[in-house]
Amino acid sequence: MQSVKRGAILFGKVINSDLPQAVKVRVSKYVMDERLTMYFKEHFQYYAYGASKECEEGDYVLIRELAESDDKKITHAVESVVYKLGYFIDPVTGKRNAGTEYIDDIKRTSELFGMKP
């Protein structure tokens, strides 16, 4: 990833990790194919320190490259957790949603018809 500046913040998804003190993060990037003049998505994987207790598989996080690292594998650190797995909030209304419906609407409908959500 030569086009990414050193110390830049990257956005990615936490995938399974085989290291206990770190998480593995998959970052997607669009790369230009000069011959076809089209962009194609490529995935890069990084190991990141920190937040291993609060990060779970499937969470979306921000990571930043470390200035110097003790381990050759672990090159980044988790800045923050952006989206927890299964906990999505609509940015316009600020309400939690499940798929295309709001959680409040699902609960209200289930109360009206006597069904469990």
PDB file of N, CA and C in Angstrom:
ATOM      1  N   MET A   1       0.834  -1.174   0.000  1.00  0.00           N
ATOM      2  CA  MET A   1       0.000   0.000   0.000  1.00  0.00           C
ATOM      3  C   MET A   1       0.881   1.241   0.000  1.00  0.00           C
ATOM      4  N   GLN A   2       1.466   1.546  -1.107  1.00  0.00           N
ATOM      5  CA  GLN A   2       2.362   2.679  -1.164  1.00  0.00           C
ATOM      6  C   GLN A   2       1.616   3.999  -1.216  1.00  0.00           C
ATOM      7  N   SER A   3       0.362   3.994  -1.667  1.00  0.00           N
ATOM      8  CA  SER A   3      -0.361   5.254  -1.808  1.00  0.00           C
ATOM      9  C   SER A   3      -0.943   5.752  -0.482  1.00  0.00           C
ATOM     10  N   VAL A   4      -0.936   4.920   0.552  1.00  0.00           N
ATOM     11  CA  VAL A   4      -1.453   5.340   1.853  1.00  0.00           C
ATOM     12  C   VAL A   4      -0.334   6.016   2.631  1.00  0.00           C
ATOM     13  N   LYS A   5      -0.614   7.202   3.169  1.00  0.00           N
ATOM     14  CA  LYS A   5       0.393   7.944   3.919  1.00  0.00           C
ATOM     15  C   LYS A   5       0.700   7.248   5.237  1.00  0.00           C
ATOM     16  N   ARG A   6       1.917   7.385   5.686  1.00  0.00           N
ATOM     17  CA  ARG A   6       2.322   6.807   6.964  1.00  0.00           C
ATOM     18  C   ARG A   6       1.571   7.506   8.092  1.00  0.00           C
ATOM     19  N   GLY A   7       0.987   6.732   8.976  1.00  0.00           N
ATOM     20  CA  GLY A   7       0.227   7.285  10.081  1.00  0.00           C
ATOM     21  C   GLY A   7      -1.221   7.568   9.737  1.00  0.00           C
ATOM     22  N   ALA A   8      -1.655   7.200   8.533  1.00  0.00           N
ATOM     23  CA  ALA A   8      -3.037   7.447   8.135  1.00  0.00           C
ATOM     24  C   ALA A   8      -3.972   6.518   8.898  1.00  0.00           C
ATOM     25  N   ILE A   9      -5.194   6.973   9.099  1.00  0.00           N
ATOM     26  CA  ILE A   9      -6.204   6.158   9.764  1.00  0.00           C
ATOM     27  C   ILE A   9      -6.901   5.310   8.712  1.00  0.00           C
ATOM     28  N   LEU A  10      -7.041   4.019   8.987  1.00  0.00           N
ATOM     29  CA  LEU A  10      -7.696   3.090   8.077  1.00  0.00           C
ATOM     30  C   LEU A  10      -8.954   2.539   8.726  1.00  0.00           C
ATOM     31  N   PHE A  11      -9.960   2.245   7.902  1.00  0.00           N
ATOM     32  CA  PHE A  11     -11.239   1.711   8.365  1.00  0.00           C
ATOM     33  C   PHE A  11     -11.339   0.274   7.895  1.00  0.00           C
ATOM     34  N   GLY A  12     -11.631  -0.654   8.821  1.00  0.00           N
ATOM     35  CA  GLY A  12     -11.702  -2.046   8.431  1.00  0.00           C
ATOM     36  C   GLY A  12     -12.573  -2.866   9.356  1.00  0.00           C
ATOM     37  N   LYS A  13     -12.714  -4.138   8.991  1.00  0.00           N
ATOM     38  CA  LYS A  13     -13.551  -5.079   9.731  1.00  0.00           C
ATOM     39  C   LYS A  13     -12.659  -6.069  10.469  1.00  0.00           C
ATOM     40  N   VAL A  14     -12.980  -6.327  11.730  1.00  0.00           N
ATOM     41  CA  VAL A  14     -12.219  -7.282  12.538  1.00  0.00           C
ATOM     42  C   VAL A  14     -12.583  -8.691  12.087  1.00  0.00           C
ATOM     43  N   ILE A  15     -11.553  -9.474  11.763  1.00  0.00           N
ATOM     44  CA  ILE A  15     -11.754 -10.882  11.426  1.00  0.00           C
ATOM     45  C   ILE A  15     -11.005 -11.703  12.468  1.00  0.00           C
ATOM     46  N   ASN A  16     -11.101 -13.015  12.361  1.00  0.00           N
ATOM     47  CA  ASN A  16     -10.502 -13.861  13.396  1.00  0.00           C
ATOM     48  C   ASN A  16      -9.002 -13.608  13.520  1.00  0.00           C
ATOM     49  N   SER A  17      -8.498 -13.763  14.732  1.00  0.00           N
ATOM     50  CA  SER A  17      -7.090 -13.516  15.003  1.00  0.00           C
ATOM     51  C   SER A  17      -6.491 -14.709  15.724  1.00  0.00           C
ATOM     52  N   ASP A  18      -5.263 -15.046  15.364  1.00  0.00           N
ATOM     53  CA  ASP A  18      -4.577 -16.143  16.033  1.00  0.00           C
ATOM     54  C   ASP A  18      -3.607 -15.639  17.099  1.00  0.00           C
ATOM     55  N   LEU A  19      -3.494 -14.324  17.258  1.00  0.00           N
ATOM     56  CA  LEU A  19      -2.648 -13.745  18.297  1.00  0.00           C
ATOM     57  C   LEU A  19      -3.523 -13.259  19.448  1.00  0.00           C
ATOM     58  N   PRO A  20      -3.178 -13.609  20.703  1.00  0.00           N
ATOM     59  CA  PRO A  20      -4.042 -13.239  21.833  1.00  0.00           C
ATOM     60  C   PRO A  20      -4.061 -11.744  22.152  1.00  0.00           C
ATOM     61  N   GLN A  21      -2.965 -11.023  21.924  1.00  0.00           N
ATOM     62  CA  GLN A  21      -2.906  -9.610  22.296  1.00  0.00           C
ATOM     63  C   GLN A  21      -3.290  -8.676  21.146  1.00  0.00           C
ATOM     64  N   ALA A  22      -3.669  -9.230  19.992  1.00  0.00           N
ATOM     65  CA  ALA A  22      -3.976  -8.387  18.839  1.00  0.00           C
ATOM     66  C   ALA A  22      -5.194  -8.921  18.094  1.00  0.00           C
ATOM     67  N   VAL A  23      -5.743  -8.063  17.248  1.00  0.00           N
ATOM     68  CA  VAL A  23      -6.850  -8.457  16.380  1.00  0.00           C
ATOM     69  C   VAL A  23      -6.396  -8.302  14.932  1.00  0.00           C
ATOM     70  N   LYS A  24      -6.987  -9.111  14.054  1.00  0.00           N
ATOM     71  CA  LYS A  24      -6.687  -9.009  12.633  1.00  0.00           C
ATOM     72  C   LYS A  24      -7.791  -8.186  11.980  1.00  0.00           C
ATOM     73  N   VAL A  25      -7.407  -7.170  11.219  1.00  0.00           N
ATOM     74  CA  VAL A  25      -8.361  -6.249  10.601  1.00  0.00           C
ATOM     75  C   VAL A  25      -8.200  -6.316   9.088  1.00  0.00           C
ATOM     76  N   ARG A  26      -9.334  -6.479   8.383  1.00  0.00           N
ATOM     77  CA  ARG A  26      -9.333  -6.493   6.921  1.00  0.00           C
ATOM     78  C   ARG A  26      -9.758  -5.116   6.428  1.00  0.00           C
ATOM     79  N   VAL A  27      -8.879  -4.481   5.654  1.00  0.00           N
ATOM     80  CA  VAL A  27      -9.131  -3.150   5.102  1.00  0.00           C
ATOM     81  C   VAL A  27      -9.323  -3.290   3.597  1.00  0.00           C
ATOM     82  N   SER A  28     -10.390  -2.703   3.073  1.00  0.00           N
ATOM     83  CA  SER A  28     -10.658  -2.727   1.638  1.00  0.00           C
ATOM     84  C   SER A  28     -10.165  -1.435   1.007  1.00  0.00           C
ATOM     85  N   LYS A  29      -9.611  -1.568  -0.181  1.00  0.00           N
ATOM     86  CA  LYS A  29      -9.111  -0.403  -0.899  1.00  0.00           C
ATOM     87  C   LYS A  29      -9.376  -0.612  -2.382  1.00  0.00           C
ATOM     88  N   TYR A  30      -9.789   0.448  -3.070  1.00  0.00           N
ATOM     89  CA  TYR A  30      -9.978   0.380  -4.514  1.00  0.00           C
ATOM     90  C   TYR A  30      -8.665   0.731  -5.196  1.00  0.00           C
ATOM     91  N   VAL A  31      -8.234  -0.167  -6.103  1.00  0.00           N
ATOM     92  CA  VAL A  31      -6.968   0.001  -6.802  1.00  0.00           C
ATOM     93  C   VAL A  31      -7.260   0.156  -8.290  1.00  0.00           C
ATOM     94  N   MET A  32      -6.623   1.134  -8.913  1.00  0.00           N
ATOM     95  CA  MET A  32      -6.828   1.431 -10.325  1.00  0.00           C
ATOM     96  C   MET A  32      -6.045   0.466 -11.193  1.00  0.00           C
ATOM     97  N   ASP A  33      -6.737  -0.157 -12.156  1.00  0.00           N
ATOM     98  CA  ASP A  33      -6.083  -0.975 -13.165  1.00  0.00           C
ATOM     99  C   ASP A  33      -5.866  -0.072 -14.378  1.00  0.00           C
ATOM    100  N   GLU A  34      -4.610   0.225 -14.670  1.00  0.00           N
ATOM    101  CA  GLU A  34      -4.285   1.178 -15.738  1.00  0.00           C
ATOM    102  C   GLU A  34      -4.699   0.668 -17.116  1.00  0.00           C
ATOM    103  N   ARG A  35      -4.602  -0.633 -17.331  1.00  0.00           N
ATOM    104  CA  ARG A  35      -4.925  -1.182 -18.644  1.00  0.00           C
ATOM    105  C   ARG A  35      -6.417  -1.102 -18.935  1.00  0.00           C
ATOM    106  N   LEU A  36      -7.240  -1.426 -17.936  1.00  0.00           N
ATOM    107  CA  LEU A  36      -8.691  -1.399 -18.127  1.00  0.00           C
ATOM    108  C   LEU A  36      -9.305  -0.064 -17.732  1.00  0.00           C
ATOM    109  N   THR A  37      -8.529   0.791 -17.099  1.00  0.00           N
ATOM    110  CA  THR A  37      -8.985   2.072 -16.550  1.00  0.00           C
ATOM    111  C   THR A  37     -10.241   1.895 -15.702  1.00  0.00           C
ATOM    112  N   MET A  38     -10.152   0.923 -14.795  1.00  0.00           N
ATOM    113  CA  MET A  38     -11.245   0.640 -13.860  1.00  0.00           C
ATOM    114  C   MET A  38     -10.653   0.426 -12.472  1.00  0.00           C
ATOM    115  N   TYR A  39     -11.476   0.656 -11.480  1.00  0.00           N
ATOM    116  CA  TYR A  39     -11.071   0.402 -10.098  1.00  0.00           C
ATOM    117  C   TYR A  39     -11.584  -0.961  -9.661  1.00  0.00           C
ATOM    118  N   PHE A  40     -10.746  -1.704  -8.959  1.00  0.00           N
ATOM    119  CA  PHE A  40     -11.114  -2.999  -8.417  1.00  0.00           C
ATOM    120  C   PHE A  40     -10.810  -3.010  -6.927  1.00  0.00           C
ATOM    121  N   LYS A  41     -11.675  -3.672  -6.165  1.00  0.00           N
ATOM    122  CA  LYS A  41     -11.499  -3.724  -4.714  1.00  0.00           C
ATOM    123  C   LYS A  41     -10.464  -4.786  -4.354  1.00  0.00           C
ATOM    124  N   GLU A  42      -9.514  -4.387  -3.529  1.00  0.00           N
ATOM    125  CA  GLU A  42      -8.524  -5.313  -2.993  1.00  0.00           C
ATOM    126  C   GLU A  42      -8.579  -5.243  -1.475  1.00  0.00           C
ATOM    127  N   HIS A  43      -8.309  -6.372  -0.834  1.00  0.00           N
ATOM    128  CA  HIS A  43      -8.349  -6.448   0.621  1.00  0.00           C
ATOM    129  C   HIS A  43      -6.927  -6.602   1.154  1.00  0.00           C
ATOM    130  N   PHE A  44      -6.637  -5.867   2.212  1.00  0.00           N
ATOM    131  CA  PHE A  44      -5.359  -5.963   2.900  1.00  0.00           C
ATOM    132  C   PHE A  44      -5.643  -6.298   4.357  1.00  0.00           C
ATOM    133  N   GLN A  45      -4.793  -7.128   4.956  1.00  0.00           N
ATOM    134  CA  GLN A  45      -5.008  -7.540   6.342  1.00  0.00           C
ATOM    135  C   GLN A  45      -3.861  -7.042   7.210  1.00  0.00           C
ATOM    136  N   TYR A  46      -4.229  -6.491   8.363  1.00  0.00           N
ATOM    137  CA  TYR A  46      -3.258  -5.955   9.305  1.00  0.00           C
ATOM    138  C   TYR A  46      -3.558  -6.505  10.695  1.00  0.00           C
ATOM    139  N   TYR A  47      -2.501  -6.684  11.486  1.00  0.00           N
ATOM    140  CA  TYR A  47      -2.661  -7.004  12.900  1.00  0.00           C
ATOM    141  C   TYR A  47      -2.570  -5.698  13.673  1.00  0.00           C
ATOM    142  N   ALA A  48      -3.475  -5.532  14.648  1.00  0.00           N
ATOM    143  CA  ALA A  48      -3.515  -4.288  15.412  1.00  0.00           C
ATOM    144  C   ALA A  48      -3.543  -4.583  16.903  1.00  0.00           C
ATOM    145  N   TYR A  49      -2.732  -3.816  17.665  1.00  0.00           N
ATOM    146  CA  TYR A  49      -2.713  -3.895  19.126  1.00  0.00           C
ATOM    147  C   TYR A  49      -3.950  -3.243  19.712  1.00  0.00           C
ATOM    148  N   GLY A  50      -4.225  -3.596  20.953  1.00  0.00           N
ATOM    149  CA  GLY A  50      -5.208  -2.865  21.744  1.00  0.00           C
ATOM    150  C   GLY A  50      -6.636  -3.206  21.424  1.00  0.00           C
ATOM    151  N   ALA A  51      -7.476  -2.925  22.403  1.00  0.00           N
ATOM    152  CA  ALA A  51      -8.926  -3.101  22.284  1.00  0.00           C
ATOM    153  C   ALA A  51      -9.316  -4.534  21.948  1.00  0.00           C
ATOM    154  N   SER A  52      -8.440  -5.502  22.275  1.00  0.00           N
ATOM    155  CA  SER A  52      -8.782  -6.890  21.973  1.00  0.00           C
ATOM    156  C   SER A  52      -9.925  -7.378  22.848  1.00  0.00           C
ATOM    157  N   LYS A  53     -10.107  -6.746  24.022  1.00  0.00           N
ATOM    158  CA  LYS A  53     -11.212  -7.134  24.898  1.00  0.00           C
ATOM    159  C   LYS A  53     -12.524  -6.536  24.420  1.00  0.00           C
ATOM    160  N   GLU A  54     -12.480  -5.347  23.842  1.00  0.00           N
ATOM    161  CA  GLU A  54     -13.717  -4.722  23.398  1.00  0.00           C
ATOM    162  C   GLU A  54     -14.017  -4.984  21.921  1.00  0.00           C
ATOM    163  N   CYS A  55     -13.044  -5.448  21.156  1.00  0.00           N
ATOM    164  CA  CYS A  55     -13.265  -5.773  19.745  1.00  0.00           C
ATOM    165  C   CYS A  55     -13.633  -7.242  19.617  1.00  0.00           C
ATOM    166  N   GLU A  56     -14.677  -7.497  18.869  1.00  0.00           N
ATOM    167  CA  GLU A  56     -15.083  -8.863  18.576  1.00  0.00           C
ATOM    168  C   GLU A  56     -15.083  -9.051  17.069  1.00  0.00           C
ATOM    169  N   GLU A  57     -15.130 -10.299  16.652  1.00  0.00           N
ATOM    170  CA  GLU A  57     -15.163 -10.590  15.231  1.00  0.00           C
ATOM    171  C   GLU A  57     -16.422  -9.998  14.609  1.00  0.00           C
ATOM    172  N   GLY A  58     -16.256  -9.248  13.526  1.00  0.00           N
ATOM    173  CA  GLY A  58     -17.380  -8.617  12.849  1.00  0.00           C
ATOM    174  C   GLY A  58     -17.532  -7.138  13.133  1.00  0.00           C
ATOM    175  N   ASP A  59     -16.809  -6.602  14.125  1.00  0.00           N
ATOM    176  CA  ASP A  59     -16.879  -5.172  14.435  1.00  0.00           C
ATOM    177  C   ASP A  59     -16.104  -4.369  13.385  1.00  0.00           C
ATOM    178  N   TYR A  60     -16.520  -3.129  13.181  1.00  0.00           N
ATOM    179  CA  TYR A  60     -15.805  -2.218  12.295  1.00  0.00           C
ATOM    180  C   TYR A  60     -15.013  -1.237  13.153  1.00  0.00           C
ATOM    181  N   VAL A  61     -13.713  -1.095  12.844  1.00  0.00           N
ATOM    182  CA  VAL A  61     -12.817  -0.296  13.677  1.00  0.00           C
ATOM    183  C   VAL A  61     -11.976   0.655  12.827  1.00  0.00           C
ATOM    184  N   LEU A  62     -11.400   1.655  13.505  1.00  0.00           N
ATOM    185  CA  LEU A  62     -10.398   2.533  12.913  1.00  0.00           C
ATOM    186  C   LEU A  62      -9.040   2.115  13.455  1.00  0.00           C
ATOM    187  N   ILE A  63      -8.050   1.968  12.565  1.00  0.00           N
ATOM    188  CA  ILE A  63      -6.704   1.598  12.994  1.00  0.00           C
ATOM    189  C   ILE A  63      -5.714   2.632  12.473  1.00  0.00           C
ATOM    190  N   ARG A  64      -4.604   2.767  13.202  1.00  0.00           N
ATOM    191  CA  ARG A  64      -3.542   3.699  12.816  1.00  0.00           C
ATOM    192  C   ARG A  64      -2.211   2.961  12.888  1.00  0.00           C
ATOM    193  N   GLU A  65      -1.319   3.248  11.938  1.00  0.00           N
ATOM    194  CA  GLU A  65      -0.009   2.611  11.907  1.00  0.00           C
ATOM    195  C   GLU A  65       0.841   3.090  13.078  1.00  0.00           C
ATOM    196  N   LEU A  66       1.564   2.157  13.699  1.00  0.00           N
ATOM    197  CA  LEU A  66       2.447   2.489  14.817  1.00  0.00           C
ATOM    198  C   LEU A  66       3.747   3.094  14.297  1.00  0.00           C
ATOM    199  N   ALA A  67       4.313   4.023  15.046  1.00  0.00           N
ATOM    200  CA  ALA A  67       5.592   4.627  14.666  1.00  0.00           C
ATOM    201  C   ALA A  67       6.705   3.585  14.725  1.00  0.00           C
ATOM    202  N   GLU A  68       6.715   2.813  15.805  1.00  0.00           N
ATOM    203  CA  GLU A  68       7.673   1.717  15.926  1.00  0.00           C
ATOM    204  C   GLU A  68       6.981   0.573  16.646  1.00  0.00           C
ATOM    205  N   SER A  69       7.312  -0.640  16.242  1.00  0.00           N
ATOM    206  CA  SER A  69       6.639  -1.805  16.794  1.00  0.00           C
ATOM    207  C   SER A  69       7.659  -2.811  17.300  1.00  0.00           C
ATOM    208  N   ASP A  70       7.317  -3.491  18.397  1.00  0.00           N
ATOM    209  CA  ASP A  70       8.188  -4.529  18.935  1.00  0.00           C
ATOM    210  C   ASP A  70       8.082  -5.810  18.117  1.00  0.00           C
ATOM    211  N   ASP A  71       6.914  -6.044  17.577  1.00  0.00           N
ATOM    212  CA  ASP A  71       6.640  -7.268  16.833  1.00  0.00           C
ATOM    213  C   ASP A  71       6.577  -6.956  15.338  1.00  0.00           C
ATOM    214  N   LYS A  72       7.106  -7.856  14.511  1.00  0.00           N
ATOM    215  CA  LYS A  72       7.077  -7.629  13.065  1.00  0.00           C
ATOM    216  C   LYS A  72       5.673  -7.783  12.491  1.00  0.00           C
ATOM    217  N   LYS A  73       4.870  -8.664  13.090  1.00  0.00           N
ATOM    218  CA  LYS A  73       3.522  -8.899  12.581  1.00  0.00           C
ATOM    219  C   LYS A  73       2.572  -7.761  12.913  1.00  0.00           C
ATOM    220  N   ILE A  74       2.649  -7.255  14.138  1.00  0.00           N
ATOM    221  CA  ILE A  74       1.689  -6.258  14.604  1.00  0.00           C
ATOM    222  C   ILE A  74       2.221  -4.869  14.255  1.00  0.00           C
ATOM    223  N   THR A  75       1.571  -4.234  13.277  1.00  0.00           N
ATOM    224  CA  THR A  75       2.060  -2.958  12.760  1.00  0.00           C
ATOM    225  C   THR A  75       1.115  -1.792  13.026  1.00  0.00           C
ATOM    226  N   HIS A  76      -0.088  -2.058  13.535  1.00  0.00           N
ATOM    227  CA  HIS A  76      -1.087  -1.010  13.733  1.00  0.00           C
ATOM    228  C   HIS A  76      -1.666  -1.081  15.144  1.00  0.00           C
ATOM    229  N   ALA A  77      -2.420  -0.048  15.514  1.00  0.00           N
ATOM    230  CA  ALA A  77      -3.123  -0.005  16.798  1.00  0.00           C
ATOM    231  C   ALA A  77      -4.567   0.414  16.540  1.00  0.00           C
ATOM    232  N   VAL A  78      -5.487  -0.153  17.314  1.00  0.00           N
ATOM    233  CA  VAL A  78      -6.902   0.180  17.173  1.00  0.00           C
ATOM    234  C   VAL A  78      -7.147   1.550  17.800  1.00  0.00           C
ATOM    235  N   GLU A  79      -7.702   2.470  17.018  1.00  0.00           N
ATOM    236  CA  GLU A  79      -8.059   3.804  17.518  1.00  0.00           C
ATOM    237  C   GLU A  79      -9.393   3.755  18.247  1.00  0.00           C
ATOM    238  N   SER A  80     -10.415   3.233  17.569  1.00  0.00           N
ATOM    239  CA  SER A  80     -11.742   3.173  18.183  1.00  0.00           C
ATOM    240  C   SER A  80     -12.607   2.166  17.440  1.00  0.00           C
ATOM    241  N   VAL A  81     -13.650   1.722  18.125  1.00  0.00           N
ATOM    242  CA  VAL A  81     -14.646   0.840  17.524  1.00  0.00           C
ATOM    243  C   VAL A  81     -15.750   1.730  16.969  1.00  0.00           C
ATOM    244  N   VAL A  82     -16.014   1.622  15.672  1.00  0.00           N
ATOM    245  CA  VAL A  82     -17.014   2.466  15.027  1.00  0.00           C
ATOM    246  C   VAL A  82     -18.391   1.818  15.112  1.00  0.00           C
ATOM    247  N   TYR A  83     -18.502   0.562  14.680  1.00  0.00           N
ATOM    248  CA  TYR A  83     -19.764  -0.173  14.716  1.00  0.00           C
ATOM    249  C   TYR A  83     -19.541  -1.519  15.388  1.00  0.00           C
ATOM    250  N   LYS A  84     -20.318  -1.797  16.429  1.00  0.00           N
ATOM    251  CA  LYS A  84     -20.295  -3.119  17.048  1.00  0.00           C
ATOM    252  C   LYS A  84     -21.134  -4.053  16.184  1.00  0.00           C
ATOM    253  N   LEU A  85     -20.811  -5.329  16.193  1.00  0.00           N
ATOM    254  CA  LEU A  85     -21.556  -6.313  15.420  1.00  0.00           C
ATOM    255  C   LEU A  85     -22.995  -6.375  15.914  1.00  0.00           C
ATOM    256  N   GLY A  86     -23.942  -6.153  15.016  1.00  0.00           N
ATOM    257  CA  GLY A  86     -25.354  -6.233  15.359  1.00  0.00           C
ATOM    258  C   GLY A  86     -25.920  -4.990  16.005  1.00  0.00           C
ATOM    259  N   TYR A  87     -25.149  -3.930  16.123  1.00  0.00           N
ATOM    260  CA  TYR A  87     -25.617  -2.706  16.766  1.00  0.00           C
ATOM    261  C   TYR A  87     -25.418  -1.551  15.786  1.00  0.00           C
ATOM    262  N   PHE A  88     -26.370  -1.415  14.864  1.00  0.00           N
ATOM    263  CA  PHE A  88     -26.274  -0.377  13.847  1.00  0.00           C
ATOM    264  C   PHE A  88     -27.251   0.742  14.147  1.00  0.00           C
ATOM    265  N   ILE A  89     -26.810   1.962  13.958  1.00  0.00           N
ATOM    266  CA  ILE A  89     -27.623   3.146  14.217  1.00  0.00           C
ATOM    267  C   ILE A  89     -27.745   3.937  12.919  1.00  0.00           C
ATOM    268  N   ASP A  90     -28.978   4.313  12.586  1.00  0.00           N
ATOM    269  CA  ASP A  90     -29.231   5.122  11.403  1.00  0.00           C
ATOM    270  C   ASP A  90     -28.651   6.518  11.632  1.00  0.00           C
ATOM    271  N   PRO A  91     -27.772   7.004  10.741  1.00  0.00           N
ATOM    272  CA  PRO A  91     -27.142   8.301  10.976  1.00  0.00           C
ATOM    273  C   PRO A  91     -28.097   9.483  10.858  1.00  0.00           C
ATOM    274  N   VAL A  92     -29.204   9.327  10.145  1.00  0.00           N
ATOM    275  CA  VAL A  92     -30.143  10.432   9.966  1.00  0.00           C
ATOM    276  C   VAL A  92     -31.041  10.594  11.190  1.00  0.00           C
ATOM    277  N   THR A  93     -31.641   9.478  11.646  1.00  0.00           N
ATOM    278  CA  THR A  93     -32.599   9.553  12.749  1.00  0.00           C
ATOM    279  C   THR A  93     -31.967   9.283  14.102  1.00  0.00           C
ATOM    280  N   GLY A  94     -30.846   8.565  14.137  1.00  0.00           N
ATOM    281  CA  GLY A  94     -30.213   8.220  15.403  1.00  0.00           C
ATOM    282  C   GLY A  94     -30.856   7.028  16.088  1.00  0.00           C
ATOM    283  N   LYS A  95     -31.728   6.294  15.381  1.00  0.00           N
ATOM    284  CA  LYS A  95     -32.399   5.125  15.956  1.00  0.00           C
ATOM    285  C   LYS A  95     -31.661   3.852  15.560  1.00  0.00           C
ATOM    286  N   ARG A  96     -31.741   2.838  16.451  1.00  0.00           N
ATOM    287  CA  ARG A  96     -31.174   1.526  16.133  1.00  0.00           C
ATOM    288  C   ARG A  96     -32.032   0.859  15.075  1.00  0.00           C
ATOM    289  N   ASN A  97     -31.389   0.103  14.177  1.00  0.00           N
ATOM    290  CA  ASN A  97     -32.144  -0.608  13.162  1.00  0.00           C
ATOM    291  C   ASN A  97     -31.648  -2.038  13.016  1.00  0.00           C
ATOM    292  N   ALA A  98     -32.560  -2.878  12.511  1.00  0.00           N
ATOM    293  CA  ALA A  98     -32.249  -4.270  12.192  1.00  0.00           C
ATOM    294  C   ALA A  98     -32.634  -4.466  10.736  1.00  0.00           C
ATOM    295  N   GLY A  99     -31.656  -4.494   9.865  1.00  0.00           N
ATOM    296  CA  GLY A  99     -31.947  -4.571   8.441  1.00  0.00           C
ATOM    297  C   GLY A  99     -32.486  -3.237   7.956  1.00  0.00           C
ATOM    298  N   THR A 100     -33.716  -3.269   7.437  1.00  0.00           N
ATOM    299  CA  THR A 100     -34.325  -2.038   6.922  1.00  0.00           C
ATOM    300  C   THR A 100     -35.382  -1.467   7.852  1.00  0.00           C
ATOM    301  N   GLU A 101     -35.597  -2.088   9.019  1.00  0.00           N
ATOM    302  CA  GLU A 101     -36.621  -1.624   9.957  1.00  0.00           C
ATOM    303  C   GLU A 101     -35.972  -1.152  11.255  1.00  0.00           C
ATOM    304  N   TYR A 102     -36.632  -0.192  11.894  1.00  0.00           N
ATOM    305  CA  TYR A 102     -36.154   0.299  13.180  1.00  0.00           C
ATOM    306  C   TYR A 102     -36.575  -0.657  14.294  1.00  0.00           C
ATOM    307  N   ILE A 103     -35.737  -0.782  15.312  1.00  0.00           N
ATOM    308  CA  ILE A 103     -36.017  -1.656  16.452  1.00  0.00           C
ATOM    309  C   ILE A 103     -37.281  -1.202  17.177  1.00  0.00           C
ATOM    310  N   ASP A 104     -37.472   0.110  17.328  1.00  0.00           N
ATOM    311  CA  ASP A 104     -38.675   0.629  17.999  1.00  0.00           C
ATOM    312  C   ASP A 104     -39.941   0.226  17.255  1.00  0.00           C
ATOM    313  N   ASP A 105     -39.901   0.277  15.916  1.00  0.00           N
ATOM    314  CA  ASP A 105     -41.065  -0.107  15.116  1.00  0.00           C
ATOM    315  C   ASP A 105     -41.349  -1.599  15.234  1.00  0.00           C
ATOM    316  N   ILE A 106     -40.314  -2.406  15.297  1.00  0.00           N
ATOM    317  CA  ILE A 106     -40.493  -3.854  15.437  1.00  0.00           C
ATOM    318  C   ILE A 106     -41.127  -4.173  16.783  1.00  0.00           C
ATOM    319  N   LYS A 107     -40.651  -3.508  17.850  1.00  0.00           N
ATOM    320  CA  LYS A 107     -41.218  -3.743  19.185  1.00  0.00           C
ATOM    321  C   LYS A 107     -42.672  -3.291  19.254  1.00  0.00           C
ATOM    322  N   ARG A 108     -42.979  -2.136  18.665  1.00  0.00           N
ATOM    323  CA  ARG A 108     -44.346  -1.616  18.692  1.00  0.00           C
ATOM    324  C   ARG A 108     -45.296  -2.537  17.918  1.00  0.00           C
ATOM    325  N   THR A 109     -44.863  -3.040  16.773  1.00  0.00           N
ATOM    326  CA  THR A 109     -45.680  -3.956  15.983  1.00  0.00           C
ATOM    327  C   THR A 109     -45.914  -5.258  16.727  1.00  0.00           C
ATOM    328  N   SER A 110     -44.878  -5.770  17.382  1.00  0.00           N
ATOM    329  CA  SER A 110     -45.031  -7.029  18.114  1.00  0.00           C
ATOM    330  C   SER A 110     -45.946  -6.859  19.322  1.00  0.00           C
ATOM    331  N   GLU A 111     -45.924  -5.691  19.967  1.00  0.00           N
ATOM    332  CA  GLU A 111     -46.838  -5.444  21.089  1.00  0.00           C
ATOM    333  C   GLU A 111     -48.283  -5.342  20.613  1.00  0.00           C
ATOM    334  N   LEU A 112     -48.502  -4.729  19.454  1.00  0.00           N
ATOM    335  CA  LEU A 112     -49.859  -4.591  18.918  1.00  0.00           C
ATOM    336  C   LEU A 112     -50.465  -5.939  18.555  1.00  0.00           C
ATOM    337  N   PHE A 113     -49.665  -6.818  17.972  1.00  0.00           N
ATOM    338  CA  PHE A 113     -50.172  -8.105  17.507  1.00  0.00           C
ATOM    339  C   PHE A 113     -49.883  -9.249  18.468  1.00  0.00           C
ATOM    340  N   GLY A 114     -49.249  -8.978  19.600  1.00  0.00           N
ATOM    341  CA  GLY A 114     -49.011  -9.993  20.621  1.00  0.00           C
ATOM    342  C   GLY A 114     -47.955 -11.008  20.257  1.00  0.00           C
ATOM    343  N   MET A 115     -47.018 -10.630  19.404  1.00  0.00           N
ATOM    344  CA  MET A 115     -45.940 -11.536  19.012  1.00  0.00           C
ATOM    345  C   MET A 115     -44.663 -11.115  19.716  1.00  0.00           C
ATOM    346  N   LYS A 116     -43.735 -12.056  19.838  1.00  0.00           N
ATOM    347  CA  LYS A 116     -42.433 -11.740  20.418  1.00  0.00           C
ATOM    348  C   LYS A 116     -41.511 -11.259  19.303  1.00  0.00           C
ATOM    349  N   PRO A 117     -40.711 -10.230  19.560  1.00  0.00           N
ATOM    350  CA  PRO A 117     -39.815  -9.714  18.513  1.00  0.00           C
ATOM    351  C   PRO A 117     -38.698 -10.679  18.189  1.00  0.00           C
TER     352      PRO A 117
END
